[in-house]
Amino acid sequence: MFELDGFEAGRRLAGVVFAVAVLLSPASASAQATTPDTGPGADAQAPAAPGALSAQARLSVSAQFANDRRPIKSGLNWRILGETVDGSAPKIIARSSESEPSFSLPPGNYIIHAAYGFASGTKRVSLGAQGLRDQVQISAGALSLAGSIGDAPIPAGQLTFSVFVPLQGNSEGRLITSGAKAGEIIRLPEGTYHVVSTYGDSNAIQRADVKVETGKVTEATLHHRAAKVTLKLVASAGGEAFAGTAFSVLTPGGDVIREAIGAFPQVILAEGDYVLIARQEGQVYSRDFKVESGSDRDIEVLAK
């Protein structure tokens, strides 16, 4: 389902290694809409041989979804790799982020790699003096994720998502991306994924398996059962909160869920029973409380 960025698939396609007499000239590449690979870590380019400019041909490429051959118009990153004489790994000689780029290259054998988010397609081509127009097919779709409590959507800034590929019965076998935001378009190869949604920064977590289909955006909303509580240490019910109080939220079994310091810190917690401990000037106070989904409220600890 996945194609490795190391381009081993491309190497296996090249059954016979062809000598390329002239590498891409930086001067000629700069005249194109595409960008040669000159960034940090880029492979060095050999100087163009005399007459190389006149010997170049145009390679035009585009991508389409594998299922229905619809063109992919955005989100693409292209790499053109040149085969080497000594059989070593192909070298990146040009890049582009256009939807349908054209490259001016010496005739020879090349590997086209098109990345679409976390999905990609690879194809080996032979470029003749007359030029070539070719397409790469990609089996990919996308995810757009959101969260809610009941019918109320959760603000995008309070949610983060992690996406995993299940492996051998392990739903979180391989992490694809973490920290994704609600509404973000996550481009992925076709397949089934395990999504983990975190509301806030404590224990309000929901999970779901979702299927991504080629050429489609799968919209999934994960329904949380949680609430936002405001922690306070007060001298009397409804009184002013003491500043600089250290709070600890524990499960009934004593596991620490969240710690916070302040006069009235806010904590998002999953539905359930908790113990709140407040520390102020060497004194320790506590109370039990319950969180009900969708019921945001103050939790006061009396300093007595």
C-alpha atoms as a PDB file:
ATOM      1  CA  MET A   1       0.000   0.000   0.000  1.00  0.00           C
ATOM      2  CA  PHE A   2       2.898   2.382   0.769  1.00  0.00           C
ATOM      3  CA  GLU A   3       5.786   3.340  -1.462  1.00  0.00           C
ATOM      4  CA  LEU A   4       9.067   4.028   0.357  1.00  0.00           C
ATOM      5  CA  ASP A   5      10.727   7.397  -0.162  1.00  0.00           C
ATOM      6  CA  GLY A   6      14.024   5.524  -0.664  1.00  0.00           C
ATOM      7  CA  PHE A   7      12.702   4.588  -4.098  1.00  0.00           C
ATOM      8  CA  GLU A   8      13.654   0.900  -3.925  1.00  0.00           C
ATOM      9  CA  ALA A   9      10.637   0.215  -6.125  1.00  0.00           C
ATOM     10  CA  GLY A  10      12.149   2.483  -8.762  1.00  0.00           C
ATOM     11  CA  ARG A  11      15.469   0.653  -8.619  1.00  0.00           C
ATOM     12  CA  ARG A  12      13.819  -2.692  -9.251  1.00  0.00           C
ATOM     13  CA  LEU A  13      12.101  -1.256 -12.303  1.00  0.00           C
ATOM     14  CA  ALA A  14      15.448  -0.339 -13.845  1.00  0.00           C
ATOM     15  CA  GLY A  15      16.460  -3.788 -15.067  1.00  0.00           C
ATOM     16  CA  VAL A  16      19.141  -2.416 -17.355  1.00  0.00           C
ATOM     17  CA  VAL A  17      21.267   0.589 -16.384  1.00  0.00           C
ATOM     18  CA  PHE A  18      21.702   3.130 -19.184  1.00  0.00           C
ATOM     19  CA  ALA A  19      24.574   5.633 -19.332  1.00  0.00           C
ATOM     20  CA  VAL A  20      23.448   9.247 -19.279  1.00  0.00           C
ATOM     21  CA  ALA A  21      25.983  11.333 -21.202  1.00  0.00           C
ATOM     22  CA  VAL A  22      24.906  14.735 -19.954  1.00  0.00           C
ATOM     23  CA  LEU A  23      23.378  15.635 -16.565  1.00  0.00           C
ATOM     24  CA  LEU A  24      20.853  18.427 -16.008  1.00  0.00           C
ATOM     25  CA  SER A  25      22.463  21.846 -16.485  1.00  0.00           C
ATOM     26  CA  PRO A  26      21.678  24.240 -13.600  1.00  0.00           C
ATOM     27  CA  ALA A  27      21.520  27.114 -16.094  1.00  0.00           C
ATOM     28  CA  SER A  28      18.940  25.410 -18.265  1.00  0.00           C
ATOM     29  CA  ALA A  29      16.911  24.183 -15.276  1.00  0.00           C
ATOM     30  CA  SER A  30      16.596  27.712 -13.929  1.00  0.00           C
ATOM     31  CA  ALA A  31      14.909  28.757 -17.158  1.00  0.00           C
ATOM     32  CA  GLN A  32      12.075  26.260 -16.483  1.00  0.00           C
ATOM     33  CA  ALA A  33       9.047  26.604 -14.193  1.00  0.00           C
ATOM     34  CA  THR A  34      10.448  23.660 -12.216  1.00  0.00           C
ATOM     35  CA  THR A  35      13.197  23.837  -9.606  1.00  0.00           C
ATOM     36  CA  PRO A  36      16.371  21.724  -9.698  1.00  0.00           C
ATOM     37  CA  ASP A  37      17.473  19.970  -6.535  1.00  0.00           C
ATOM     38  CA  THR A  38      19.972  22.465  -5.109  1.00  0.00           C
ATOM     39  CA  GLY A  39      18.885  22.514  -1.490  1.00  0.00           C
ATOM     40  CA  PRO A  40      20.775  21.111   1.511  1.00  0.00           C
ATOM     41  CA  GLY A  41      21.767  17.511   0.943  1.00  0.00           C
ATOM     42  CA  ALA A  42      21.000  17.677  -2.803  1.00  0.00           C
ATOM     43  CA  ASP A  43      23.115  15.623  -5.153  1.00  0.00           C
ATOM     44  CA  ALA A  44      25.762  17.664  -6.958  1.00  0.00           C
ATOM     45  CA  GLN A  45      25.171  18.217 -10.655  1.00  0.00           C
ATOM     46  CA  ALA A  46      27.840  17.549 -13.219  1.00  0.00           C
ATOM     47  CA  PRO A  47      28.706  20.453 -15.549  1.00  0.00           C
ATOM     48  CA  ALA A  48      26.815  20.398 -18.829  1.00  0.00           C
ATOM     49  CA  ALA A  49      28.841  19.128 -21.760  1.00  0.00           C
ATOM     50  CA  PRO A  50      29.278  21.334 -24.856  1.00  0.00           C
ATOM     51  CA  GLY A  51      26.140  21.202 -26.964  1.00  0.00           C
ATOM     52  CA  ALA A  52      24.046  19.824 -24.081  1.00  0.00           C
ATOM     53  CA  LEU A  53      21.439  22.569 -24.327  1.00  0.00           C
ATOM     54  CA  SER A  54      20.600  21.711 -27.928  1.00  0.00           C
ATOM     55  CA  ALA A  55      20.385  17.987 -27.033  1.00  0.00           C
ATOM     56  CA  GLN A  56      17.742  18.421 -24.350  1.00  0.00           C
ATOM     57  CA  ALA A  57      14.167  17.174 -24.631  1.00  0.00           C
ATOM     58  CA  ARG A  58      10.996  18.079 -22.750  1.00  0.00           C
ATOM     59  CA  LEU A  59       9.475  15.696 -20.191  1.00  0.00           C
ATOM     60  CA  SER A  60       5.920  16.709 -19.230  1.00  0.00           C
ATOM     61  CA  VAL A  61       4.210  14.845 -16.393  1.00  0.00           C
ATOM     62  CA  SER A  62       0.859  14.743 -14.636  1.00  0.00           C
ATOM     63  CA  ALA A  63      -0.860  12.528 -12.064  1.00  0.00           C
ATOM     64  CA  GLN A  64      -4.284  10.929 -11.783  1.00  0.00           C
ATOM     65  CA  PHE A  65      -6.222   8.886  -9.250  1.00  0.00           C
ATOM     66  CA  ALA A  66      -5.860   5.193  -9.973  1.00  0.00           C
ATOM     67  CA  ASN A  67      -9.534   4.242  -9.715  1.00  0.00           C
ATOM     68  CA  ASP A  68     -11.250   6.665 -12.062  1.00  0.00           C
ATOM     69  CA  ARG A  69      -8.339   8.368 -13.871  1.00  0.00           C
ATOM     70  CA  ARG A  70      -9.399  11.807 -12.607  1.00  0.00           C
ATOM     71  CA  PRO A  71      -6.486  14.265 -12.735  1.00  0.00           C
ATOM     72  CA  ILE A  72      -4.872  15.363  -9.459  1.00  0.00           C
ATOM     73  CA  LYS A  73      -4.740  19.151  -9.549  1.00  0.00           C
ATOM     74  CA  SER A  74      -3.058  20.062  -6.258  1.00  0.00           C
ATOM     75  CA  GLY A  75      -0.934  18.757  -3.389  1.00  0.00           C
ATOM     76  CA  LEU A  76       1.712  17.136  -5.615  1.00  0.00           C
ATOM     77  CA  ASN A  77       5.488  17.115  -5.173  1.00  0.00           C
ATOM     78  CA  TRP A  78       7.533  15.767  -8.065  1.00  0.00           C
ATOM     79  CA  ARG A  79      11.058  14.350  -8.156  1.00  0.00           C
ATOM     80  CA  ILE A  80      12.895  13.297 -11.292  1.00  0.00           C
ATOM     81  CA  LEU A  81      15.686  10.783 -10.708  1.00  0.00           C
ATOM     82  CA  GLY A  82      18.409   9.998 -13.190  1.00  0.00           C
ATOM     83  CA  GLU A  83      19.771   6.469 -13.507  1.00  0.00           C
ATOM     84  CA  THR A  84      23.473   6.095 -12.834  1.00  0.00           C
ATOM     85  CA  VAL A  85      26.159   4.349 -14.856  1.00  0.00           C
ATOM     86  CA  ASP A  86      27.626   2.437 -11.904  1.00  0.00           C
ATOM     87  CA  GLY A  87      24.331   0.928 -10.704  1.00  0.00           C
ATOM     88  CA  SER A  88      24.190   3.043  -7.533  1.00  0.00           C
ATOM     89  CA  ALA A  89      20.962   4.580  -6.252  1.00  0.00           C
ATOM     90  CA  PRO A  90      19.267   6.962  -8.705  1.00  0.00           C
ATOM     91  CA  LYS A  91      20.023  10.631  -8.085  1.00  0.00           C
ATOM     92  CA  ILE A  92      17.428  13.391  -7.808  1.00  0.00           C
ATOM     93  CA  ILE A  93      18.118  15.895 -10.575  1.00  0.00           C
ATOM     94  CA  ALA A  94      14.952  18.027 -10.595  1.00  0.00           C
ATOM     95  CA  ARG A  95      11.934  18.834  -8.435  1.00  0.00           C
ATOM     96  CA  SER A  96       8.621  20.647  -8.820  1.00  0.00           C
ATOM     97  CA  SER A  97       5.461  21.329  -6.836  1.00  0.00           C
ATOM     98  CA  GLU A  98       3.371  22.279  -9.876  1.00  0.00           C
ATOM     99  CA  SER A  99       0.388  20.131 -10.814  1.00  0.00           C
ATOM    100  CA  GLU A 100       1.616  19.420 -14.373  1.00  0.00           C
ATOM    101  CA  PRO A 101       5.295  20.406 -14.620  1.00  0.00           C
ATOM    102  CA  SER A 102       7.618  20.174 -17.615  1.00  0.00           C
ATOM    103  CA  PHE A 103      11.326  19.387 -17.312  1.00  0.00           C
ATOM    104  CA  SER A 104      14.060  20.039 -19.886  1.00  0.00           C
ATOM    105  CA  LEU A 105      16.426  17.044 -19.718  1.00  0.00           C
ATOM    106  CA  PRO A 106      18.945  15.184 -21.870  1.00  0.00           C
ATOM    107  CA  PRO A 107      17.439  12.099 -23.559  1.00  0.00           C
ATOM    108  CA  GLY A 108      17.848   9.024 -21.366  1.00  0.00           C
ATOM    109  CA  ASN A 109      16.171   6.885 -18.742  1.00  0.00           C
ATOM    110  CA  TYR A 110      14.530   8.471 -15.712  1.00  0.00           C
ATOM    111  CA  ILE A 111      12.376   7.576 -12.713  1.00  0.00           C
ATOM    112  CA  ILE A 112       9.393   9.849 -12.069  1.00  0.00           C
ATOM    113  CA  HIS A 113       8.237  10.021  -8.441  1.00  0.00           C
ATOM    114  CA  ALA A 114       5.046  11.890  -7.529  1.00  0.00           C
ATOM    115  CA  ALA A 115       4.277  12.389  -3.827  1.00  0.00           C
ATOM    116  CA  TYR A 116       0.710  13.202  -2.777  1.00  0.00           C
ATOM    117  CA  GLY A 117       0.844  13.725   0.966  1.00  0.00           C
ATOM    118  CA  PHE A 118       1.759  10.336   2.439  1.00  0.00           C
ATOM    119  CA  ALA A 119       0.908   8.533  -0.823  1.00  0.00           C
ATOM    120  CA  SER A 120       3.032   8.347  -3.940  1.00  0.00           C
ATOM    121  CA  GLY A 121       3.423   6.873  -7.396  1.00  0.00           C
ATOM    122  CA  THR A 122       6.583   5.913  -9.300  1.00  0.00           C
ATOM    123  CA  LYS A 123       7.190   5.259 -12.985  1.00  0.00           C
ATOM    124  CA  ARG A 124      10.283   4.574 -15.124  1.00  0.00           C
ATOM    125  CA  VAL A 125      10.381   6.293 -18.507  1.00  0.00           C
ATOM    126  CA  SER A 126      12.703   6.545 -21.514  1.00  0.00           C
ATOM    127  CA  LEU A 127      12.989  10.108 -22.795  1.00  0.00           C
ATOM    128  CA  GLY A 128      13.788  10.419 -26.497  1.00  0.00           C
ATOM    129  CA  ALA A 129      14.871  13.449 -28.501  1.00  0.00           C
ATOM    130  CA  GLN A 130      11.241  14.080 -29.508  1.00  0.00           C
ATOM    131  CA  GLY A 131      10.192  14.576 -25.854  1.00  0.00           C
ATOM    132  CA  LEU A 132       7.609  12.721 -23.774  1.00  0.00           C
ATOM    133  CA  ARG A 133       4.308  13.376 -21.990  1.00  0.00           C
ATOM    134  CA  ASP A 134       3.405  10.789 -19.337  1.00  0.00           C
ATOM    135  CA  GLN A 135       1.146  10.208 -16.349  1.00  0.00           C
ATOM    136  CA  VAL A 136       1.620   8.632 -12.926  1.00  0.00           C
ATOM    137  CA  GLN A 137      -1.279   6.886 -11.213  1.00  0.00           C
ATOM    138  CA  ILE A 138      -1.671   7.218  -7.444  1.00  0.00           C
ATOM    139  CA  SER A 139      -3.994   5.145  -5.244  1.00  0.00           C
ATOM    140  CA  ALA A 140      -4.745   7.841  -2.695  1.00  0.00           C
ATOM    141  CA  GLY A 141      -7.529   9.697  -0.941  1.00  0.00           C
ATOM    142  CA  ALA A 142      -7.705  11.986   2.066  1.00  0.00           C
ATOM    143  CA  LEU A 143      -9.019  12.335   5.605  1.00  0.00           C
ATOM    144  CA  SER A 144     -10.701  15.351   7.185  1.00  0.00           C
ATOM    145  CA  LEU A 145     -11.224  14.873  10.935  1.00  0.00           C
ATOM    146  CA  ALA A 146     -13.350  16.615  13.558  1.00  0.00           C
ATOM    147  CA  GLY A 147     -14.602  16.050  17.106  1.00  0.00           C
ATOM    148  CA  SER A 148     -17.805  16.694  19.016  1.00  0.00           C
ATOM    149  CA  ILE A 149     -19.494  16.317  22.391  1.00  0.00           C
ATOM    150  CA  GLY A 150     -23.041  15.286  21.683  1.00  0.00           C
ATOM    151  CA  ASP A 151     -24.171  17.508  18.821  1.00  0.00           C
ATOM    152  CA  ALA A 152     -21.787  20.335  19.741  1.00  0.00           C
ATOM    153  CA  PRO A 153     -18.578  20.538  17.670  1.00  0.00           C
ATOM    154  CA  ILE A 154     -15.337  20.830  19.610  1.00  0.00           C
ATOM    155  CA  PRO A 155     -13.248  23.910  18.632  1.00  0.00           C
ATOM    156  CA  ALA A 156     -10.484  22.892  16.234  1.00  0.00           C
ATOM    157  CA  GLY A 157      -7.755  24.361  18.444  1.00  0.00           C
ATOM    158  CA  GLN A 158      -8.617  21.981  21.302  1.00  0.00           C
ATOM    159  CA  LEU A 159      -8.248  18.790  19.231  1.00  0.00           C
ATOM    160  CA  THR A 160      -5.282  16.858  17.895  1.00  0.00           C
ATOM    161  CA  PHE A 161      -5.281  13.646  15.893  1.00  0.00           C
ATOM    162  CA  SER A 162      -2.839  10.793  15.339  1.00  0.00           C
ATOM    163  CA  VAL A 163      -3.229   8.403  12.406  1.00  0.00           C
ATOM    164  CA  PHE A 164      -1.897   4.835  12.468  1.00  0.00           C
ATOM    165  CA  VAL A 165      -1.701   1.903  10.066  1.00  0.00           C
ATOM    166  CA  PRO A 166      -2.867  -1.279  11.862  1.00  0.00           C
ATOM    167  CA  LEU A 167      -0.300  -4.103  11.695  1.00  0.00           C
ATOM    168  CA  GLN A 168      -0.764  -7.769  12.652  1.00  0.00           C
ATOM    169  CA  GLY A 169      -3.656  -7.179  15.015  1.00  0.00           C
ATOM    170  CA  ASN A 170      -2.087  -4.067  16.550  1.00  0.00           C
ATOM    171  CA  SER A 171      -4.343  -1.083  15.804  1.00  0.00           C
ATOM    172  CA  GLU A 172      -1.443   1.323  16.413  1.00  0.00           C
ATOM    173  CA  GLY A 173       1.125  -0.664  14.467  1.00  0.00           C
ATOM    174  CA  ARG A 174       2.705   2.193  12.514  1.00  0.00           C
ATOM    175  CA  LEU A 175       2.349   5.914  13.177  1.00  0.00           C
ATOM    176  CA  ILE A 176       1.686   7.911  10.010  1.00  0.00           C
ATOM    177  CA  THR A 177       1.174  11.376  11.468  1.00  0.00           C
ATOM    178  CA  SER A 178       0.605  12.986  14.865  1.00  0.00           C
ATOM    179  CA  GLY A 179      -0.563  16.434  15.917  1.00  0.00           C
ATOM    180  CA  ALA A 180      -2.953  16.800  12.971  1.00  0.00           C
ATOM    181  CA  LYS A 181      -5.619  19.481  13.453  1.00  0.00           C
ATOM    182  CA  ALA A 182      -9.367  19.331  12.937  1.00  0.00           C
ATOM    183  CA  GLY A 183     -10.324  20.180   9.360  1.00  0.00           C
ATOM    184  CA  GLU A 184      -6.819  19.555   8.048  1.00  0.00           C
ATOM    185  CA  ILE A 185      -6.668  17.544   4.802  1.00  0.00           C
ATOM    186  CA  ILE A 186      -4.482  14.483   5.389  1.00  0.00           C
ATOM    187  CA  ARG A 187      -3.571  12.836   2.069  1.00  0.00           C
ATOM    188  CA  LEU A 188      -3.069   9.080   2.440  1.00  0.00           C
ATOM    189  CA  PRO A 189      -2.753   5.912   0.363  1.00  0.00           C
ATOM    190  CA  GLU A 190      -5.981   3.972  -0.050  1.00  0.00           C
ATOM    191  CA  GLY A 191      -6.638   1.718   2.961  1.00  0.00           C
ATOM    192  CA  THR A 192      -7.947   1.444   6.526  1.00  0.00           C
ATOM    193  CA  TYR A 193      -6.464   3.581   9.306  1.00  0.00           C
ATOM    194  CA  HIS A 194      -6.761   3.859  13.085  1.00  0.00           C
ATOM    195  CA  VAL A 195      -7.419   7.424  14.287  1.00  0.00           C
ATOM    196  CA  VAL A 196      -6.780   8.620  17.848  1.00  0.00           C
ATOM    197  CA  SER A 197      -8.453  11.917  18.818  1.00  0.00           C
ATOM    198  CA  THR A 198      -7.229  13.837  21.888  1.00  0.00           C
ATOM    199  CA  TYR A 199      -9.415  16.598  23.337  1.00  0.00           C
ATOM    200  CA  GLY A 200      -7.338  18.892  25.519  1.00  0.00           C
ATOM    201  CA  ASP A 201      -4.136  17.562  27.050  1.00  0.00           C
ATOM    202  CA  SER A 202      -5.239  14.960  29.602  1.00  0.00           C
ATOM    203  CA  ASN A 203      -7.293  11.794  29.240  1.00  0.00           C
ATOM    204  CA  ALA A 204     -10.153  12.784  26.916  1.00  0.00           C
ATOM    205  CA  ILE A 205      -9.307  10.374  24.081  1.00  0.00           C
ATOM    206  CA  GLN A 206     -11.435   8.643  21.452  1.00  0.00           C
ATOM    207  CA  ARG A 207     -10.472   6.092  18.793  1.00  0.00           C
ATOM    208  CA  ALA A 208     -11.979   4.920  15.527  1.00  0.00           C
ATOM    209  CA  ASP A 209     -11.071   2.969  12.397  1.00  0.00           C
ATOM    210  CA  VAL A 210     -11.712   4.805   9.134  1.00  0.00           C
ATOM    211  CA  LYS A 211     -11.389   3.798   5.504  1.00  0.00           C
ATOM    212  CA  VAL A 212      -9.744   5.993   2.870  1.00  0.00           C
ATOM    213  CA  GLU A 213     -10.856   5.460  -0.735  1.00  0.00           C
ATOM    214  CA  THR A 214      -8.973   6.562  -3.820  1.00  0.00           C
ATOM    215  CA  GLY A 215     -10.041   9.955  -5.106  1.00  0.00           C
ATOM    216  CA  LYS A 216     -12.329  10.698  -2.142  1.00  0.00           C
ATOM    217  CA  VAL A 217     -12.116  12.786   1.017  1.00  0.00           C
ATOM    218  CA  THR A 218     -13.349  10.780   4.018  1.00  0.00           C
ATOM    219  CA  GLU A 219     -14.863  13.068   6.665  1.00  0.00           C
ATOM    220  CA  ALA A 220     -14.925  11.518  10.142  1.00  0.00           C
ATOM    221  CA  THR A 221     -16.157  12.997  13.436  1.00  0.00           C
ATOM    222  CA  LEU A 222     -15.075  11.346  16.692  1.00  0.00           C
ATOM    223  CA  HIS A 223     -17.569  11.778  19.524  1.00  0.00           C
ATOM    224  CA  HIS A 224     -15.970  12.499  22.897  1.00  0.00           C
ATOM    225  CA  ARG A 225     -17.524  11.985  26.319  1.00  0.00           C
ATOM    226  CA  ALA A 226     -15.772  14.674  28.340  1.00  0.00           C
ATOM    227  CA  ALA A 227     -16.138  18.067  29.959  1.00  0.00           C
ATOM    228  CA  LYS A 228     -14.096  21.102  30.948  1.00  0.00           C
ATOM    229  CA  VAL A 229     -13.742  21.727  34.689  1.00  0.00           C
ATOM    230  CA  THR A 230     -12.292  24.755  36.479  1.00  0.00           C
ATOM    231  CA  LEU A 231     -10.358  23.922  39.655  1.00  0.00           C
ATOM    232  CA  LYS A 232     -10.570  26.243  42.680  1.00  0.00           C
ATOM    233  CA  LEU A 233      -9.447  26.324  46.289  1.00  0.00           C
ATOM    234  CA  VAL A 234     -11.798  28.573  48.257  1.00  0.00           C
ATOM    235  CA  ALA A 235     -12.431  29.516  51.888  1.00  0.00           C
ATOM    236  CA  SER A 236     -16.189  29.084  51.405  1.00  0.00           C
ATOM    237  CA  ALA A 237     -18.516  27.950  48.643  1.00  0.00           C
ATOM    238  CA  GLY A 238     -18.536  30.494  45.812  1.00  0.00           C
ATOM    239  CA  GLY A 239     -15.691  32.439  47.402  1.00  0.00           C
ATOM    240  CA  GLU A 240     -12.599  33.922  45.811  1.00  0.00           C
ATOM    241  CA  ALA A 241     -10.012  31.345  44.663  1.00  0.00           C
ATOM    242  CA  PHE A 242      -6.582  31.249  46.321  1.00  0.00           C
ATOM    243  CA  ALA A 243      -3.763  32.133  43.918  1.00  0.00           C
ATOM    244  CA  GLY A 244      -0.760  29.851  43.432  1.00  0.00           C
ATOM    245  CA  THR A 245      -2.558  26.669  44.440  1.00  0.00           C
ATOM    246  CA  ALA A 246      -1.061  23.362  43.225  1.00  0.00           C
ATOM    247  CA  PHE A 247      -3.741  20.936  42.027  1.00  0.00           C
ATOM    248  CA  SER A 248      -3.529  17.228  41.267  1.00  0.00           C
ATOM    249  CA  VAL A 249      -6.342  15.271  39.607  1.00  0.00           C
ATOM    250  CA  LEU A 250      -6.254  11.534  40.374  1.00  0.00           C
ATOM    251  CA  THR A 251      -8.320   8.485  39.548  1.00  0.00           C
ATOM    252  CA  PRO A 252     -10.025   6.756  42.512  1.00  0.00           C
ATOM    253  CA  GLY A 253      -7.148   4.263  42.328  1.00  0.00           C
ATOM    254  CA  GLY A 254      -4.547   6.995  42.821  1.00  0.00           C
ATOM    255  CA  ASP A 255      -3.198   7.413  39.287  1.00  0.00           C
ATOM    256  CA  VAL A 256      -2.304  11.037  38.471  1.00  0.00           C
ATOM    257  CA  ILE A 257      -4.245  12.322  35.467  1.00  0.00           C
ATOM    258  CA  ARG A 258      -3.332  16.006  35.482  1.00  0.00           C
ATOM    259  CA  GLU A 259      -1.433  18.542  37.537  1.00  0.00           C
ATOM    260  CA  ALA A 260      -1.832  22.319  37.392  1.00  0.00           C
ATOM    261  CA  ILE A 261      -0.915  25.452  39.316  1.00  0.00           C
ATOM    262  CA  GLY A 262      -2.939  28.646  39.562  1.00  0.00           C
ATOM    263  CA  ALA A 263      -5.998  30.303  41.058  1.00  0.00           C
ATOM    264  CA  PHE A 264      -8.494  28.572  38.723  1.00  0.00           C
ATOM    265  CA  PRO A 265      -6.832  26.373  36.074  1.00  0.00           C
ATOM    266  CA  GLN A 266      -9.083  24.672  33.518  1.00  0.00           C
ATOM    267  CA  VAL A 267      -8.739  20.957  32.773  1.00  0.00           C
ATOM    268  CA  ILE A 268     -10.509  18.827  30.165  1.00  0.00           C
ATOM    269  CA  LEU A 269     -11.323  15.362  31.553  1.00  0.00           C
ATOM    270  CA  ALA A 270     -13.031  12.258  30.264  1.00  0.00           C
ATOM    271  CA  GLU A 271     -16.347  11.322  31.846  1.00  0.00           C
ATOM    272  CA  GLY A 272     -15.829   9.522  35.182  1.00  0.00           C
ATOM    273  CA  ASP A 273     -14.948   9.755  38.887  1.00  0.00           C
ATOM    274  CA  TYR A 274     -11.912  11.648  40.208  1.00  0.00           C
ATOM    275  CA  VAL A 275     -10.135  12.840  43.347  1.00  0.00           C
ATOM    276  CA  LEU A 276      -8.920  16.444  43.486  1.00  0.00           C
ATOM    277  CA  ILE A 277      -6.029  17.390  45.801  1.00  0.00           C
ATOM    278  CA  ALA A 278      -5.140  21.044  46.431  1.00  0.00           C
ATOM    279  CA  ARG A 279      -1.903  22.209  48.116  1.00  0.00           C
ATOM    280  CA  GLN A 280      -1.561  25.726  49.501  1.00  0.00           C
ATOM    281  CA  GLU A 281       1.149  27.002  51.908  1.00  0.00           C
ATOM    282  CA  GLY A 282       1.967  23.550  53.239  1.00  0.00           C
ATOM    283  CA  GLN A 283      -1.653  22.552  53.741  1.00  0.00           C
ATOM    284  CA  VAL A 284      -3.361  19.766  51.753  1.00  0.00           C
ATOM    285  CA  TYR A 285      -7.072  19.646  50.953  1.00  0.00           C
ATOM    286  CA  SER A 286      -9.055  17.141  48.887  1.00  0.00           C
ATOM    287  CA  ARG A 287     -12.491  16.191  47.575  1.00  0.00           C
ATOM    288  CA  ASP A 288     -14.063  13.644  45.283  1.00  0.00           C
ATOM    289  CA  PHE A 289     -15.922  14.792  42.170  1.00  0.00           C
ATOM    290  CA  LYS A 290     -17.591  13.433  39.072  1.00  0.00           C
ATOM    291  CA  VAL A 291     -17.309  14.537  35.442  1.00  0.00           C
ATOM    292  CA  GLU A 292     -20.376  14.198  33.230  1.00  0.00           C
ATOM    293  CA  SER A 293     -20.035  14.518  29.471  1.00  0.00           C
ATOM    294  CA  GLY A 294     -20.825  18.005  28.205  1.00  0.00           C
ATOM    295  CA  SER A 295     -21.291  19.453  31.693  1.00  0.00           C
ATOM    296  CA  ASP A 296     -18.606  22.139  32.110  1.00  0.00           C
ATOM    297  CA  ARG A 297     -18.462  23.430  35.706  1.00  0.00           C
ATOM    298  CA  ASP A 298     -16.332  24.667  38.620  1.00  0.00           C
ATOM    299  CA  ILE A 299     -14.880  22.151  41.068  1.00  0.00           C
ATOM    300  CA  GLU A 300     -14.269  23.836  44.411  1.00  0.00           C
ATOM    301  CA  VAL A 301     -12.164  22.499  47.263  1.00  0.00           C
ATOM    302  CA  LEU A 302     -12.916  24.057  50.639  1.00  0.00           C
ATOM    303  CA  ALA A 303      -9.812  25.164  52.582  1.00  0.00           C
ATOM    304  CA  LYS A 304     -10.883  23.802  55.932  1.00  0.00           C
END
